[in-house]
Amino acid sequence: MGQSSSDQDVASEICSRLEFNGQRFRRGQYVAILEGKVIAVGDSFDEVQQALVAQDPNPYGGLICQVDEPVPDIIR
């Protein structure tokens, strides 16, 4: 299973609201998302990636985002 749009929607919500389903996040954290659910949160990419691979060894499954302010698309 690959990245789903729900995973991307969750990542977008986390970055814009610093919250998802009652769980709070802070800027700079890494968040692993799989099938629309947060499965790991940490301060290093490696620890979060290990948790994601343990849940789904498929390299195309889930996603990892770093909590940061959304960057607007600017088209000129």
C-alpha atoms as a PDB file:
ATOM      1  CA  MET A   1       0.000   0.000   0.000  1.00  0.00           C
ATOM      2  CA  GLY A   2       1.321   3.457  -0.856  1.00  0.00           C
ATOM      3  CA  GLN A   3       0.824   6.904   0.518  1.00  0.00           C
ATOM      4  CA  SER A   4      -2.837   7.747   0.700  1.00  0.00           C
ATOM      5  CA  SER A   5      -4.461  11.114   0.357  1.00  0.00           C
ATOM      6  CA  SER A   6      -5.739  10.665   3.911  1.00  0.00           C
ATOM      7  CA  ASP A   7      -2.109  10.408   5.110  1.00  0.00           C
ATOM      8  CA  GLN A   8      -1.344  13.644   3.306  1.00  0.00           C
ATOM      9  CA  ASP A   9      -4.478  15.260   4.765  1.00  0.00           C
ATOM     10  CA  VAL A  10      -3.408  14.235   8.274  1.00  0.00           C
ATOM     11  CA  ALA A  11       0.090  15.671   7.710  1.00  0.00           C
ATOM     12  CA  SER A  12      -1.386  18.909   6.411  1.00  0.00           C
ATOM     13  CA  GLU A  13      -3.693  19.218   9.422  1.00  0.00           C
ATOM     14  CA  ILE A  14      -0.850  18.522  11.851  1.00  0.00           C
ATOM     15  CA  CYS A  15       1.331  21.219  10.279  1.00  0.00           C
ATOM     16  CA  SER A  16      -1.419  23.822  10.124  1.00  0.00           C
ATOM     17  CA  ARG A  17      -3.090  23.206  13.503  1.00  0.00           C
ATOM     18  CA  LEU A  18      -0.302  21.501  15.522  1.00  0.00           C
ATOM     19  CA  GLU A  19      -3.004  19.029  16.580  1.00  0.00           C
ATOM     20  CA  PHE A  20      -4.748  15.918  15.286  1.00  0.00           C
ATOM     21  CA  ASN A  21      -7.432  13.849  17.044  1.00  0.00           C
ATOM     22  CA  GLY A  22      -6.642  15.492  20.375  1.00  0.00           C
ATOM     23  CA  GLN A  23      -2.887  14.842  20.106  1.00  0.00           C
ATOM     24  CA  ARG A  24      -0.684  17.949  20.188  1.00  0.00           C
ATOM     25  CA  PHE A  25       2.536  18.404  18.238  1.00  0.00           C
ATOM     26  CA  ARG A  26       5.335  20.935  18.312  1.00  0.00           C
ATOM     27  CA  ARG A  27       7.362  22.376  15.496  1.00  0.00           C
ATOM     28  CA  GLY A  28      10.431  20.350  14.599  1.00  0.00           C
ATOM     29  CA  GLN A  29       8.975  16.956  15.529  1.00  0.00           C
ATOM     30  CA  TYR A  30       8.781  14.131  13.003  1.00  0.00           C
ATOM     31  CA  VAL A  31       5.490  12.280  12.629  1.00  0.00           C
ATOM     32  CA  ALA A  32       4.930   8.897  10.957  1.00  0.00           C
ATOM     33  CA  ILE A  33       1.454   8.475   9.474  1.00  0.00           C
ATOM     34  CA  LEU A  34       0.044   5.216   8.136  1.00  0.00           C
ATOM     35  CA  GLU A  35      -3.473   4.669   6.804  1.00  0.00           C
ATOM     36  CA  GLY A  36      -4.641   8.003   8.233  1.00  0.00           C
ATOM     37  CA  LYS A  37      -3.299   7.330  11.745  1.00  0.00           C
ATOM     38  CA  VAL A  38      -0.346   8.774  13.626  1.00  0.00           C
ATOM     39  CA  ILE A  39       1.853   5.802  14.528  1.00  0.00           C
ATOM     40  CA  ALA A  40       5.014   7.498  15.809  1.00  0.00           C
ATOM     41  CA  VAL A  41       6.255  10.910  16.920  1.00  0.00           C
ATOM     42  CA  GLY A  42       9.851  11.795  17.690  1.00  0.00           C
ATOM     43  CA  ASP A  43      12.607  14.346  17.558  1.00  0.00           C
ATOM     44  CA  SER A  44      14.694  12.414  15.003  1.00  0.00           C
ATOM     45  CA  PHE A  45      13.803  11.163  11.557  1.00  0.00           C
ATOM     46  CA  ASP A  46      15.579   7.845  12.169  1.00  0.00           C
ATOM     47  CA  GLU A  47      13.546   6.852  15.228  1.00  0.00           C
ATOM     48  CA  VAL A  48      10.265   7.663  13.484  1.00  0.00           C
ATOM     49  CA  GLN A  49      11.328   5.845  10.311  1.00  0.00           C
ATOM     50  CA  GLN A  50      12.185   2.723  12.324  1.00  0.00           C
ATOM     51  CA  ALA A  51       8.709   2.763  13.872  1.00  0.00           C
ATOM     52  CA  LEU A  52       7.088   3.150  10.444  1.00  0.00           C
ATOM     53  CA  VAL A  53       9.114   0.308   8.909  1.00  0.00           C
ATOM     54  CA  ALA A  54       8.219  -1.923  11.882  1.00  0.00           C
ATOM     55  CA  GLN A  55       4.516  -1.296  11.152  1.00  0.00           C
ATOM     56  CA  ASP A  56       4.774  -1.507   7.354  1.00  0.00           C
ATOM     57  CA  PRO A  57       7.999  -2.720   5.728  1.00  0.00           C
ATOM     58  CA  ASN A  58       6.731  -1.583   2.298  1.00  0.00           C
ATOM     59  CA  PRO A  59       8.973   1.387   1.385  1.00  0.00           C
ATOM     60  CA  TYR A  60       5.981   3.067  -0.286  1.00  0.00           C
ATOM     61  CA  GLY A  61       3.646   2.707   2.714  1.00  0.00           C
ATOM     62  CA  GLY A  62       2.791   5.647   4.919  1.00  0.00           C
ATOM     63  CA  LEU A  63       4.699   8.891   5.179  1.00  0.00           C
ATOM     64  CA  ILE A  64       6.843  10.911   7.538  1.00  0.00           C
ATOM     65  CA  CYS A  65       6.426  14.646   7.887  1.00  0.00           C
ATOM     66  CA  GLN A  66       8.305  17.213   9.914  1.00  0.00           C
ATOM     67  CA  VAL A  67       5.997  19.543  11.785  1.00  0.00           C
ATOM     68  CA  ASP A  68       6.579  23.004  10.407  1.00  0.00           C
ATOM     69  CA  GLU A  69       4.611  25.988   9.208  1.00  0.00           C
ATOM     70  CA  PRO A  70       2.940  25.358   5.874  1.00  0.00           C
ATOM     71  CA  VAL A  71       4.689  27.091   2.997  1.00  0.00           C
ATOM     72  CA  PRO A  72       2.246  28.717   0.594  1.00  0.00           C
ATOM     73  CA  ASP A  73       2.498  27.996  -3.104  1.00  0.00           C
ATOM     74  CA  ILE A  74       3.436  31.219  -4.851  1.00  0.00           C
ATOM     75  CA  ILE A  75       2.798  31.414  -8.547  1.00  0.00           C
ATOM     76  CA  ARG A  76       3.830  34.466 -10.539  1.00  0.00           C
END
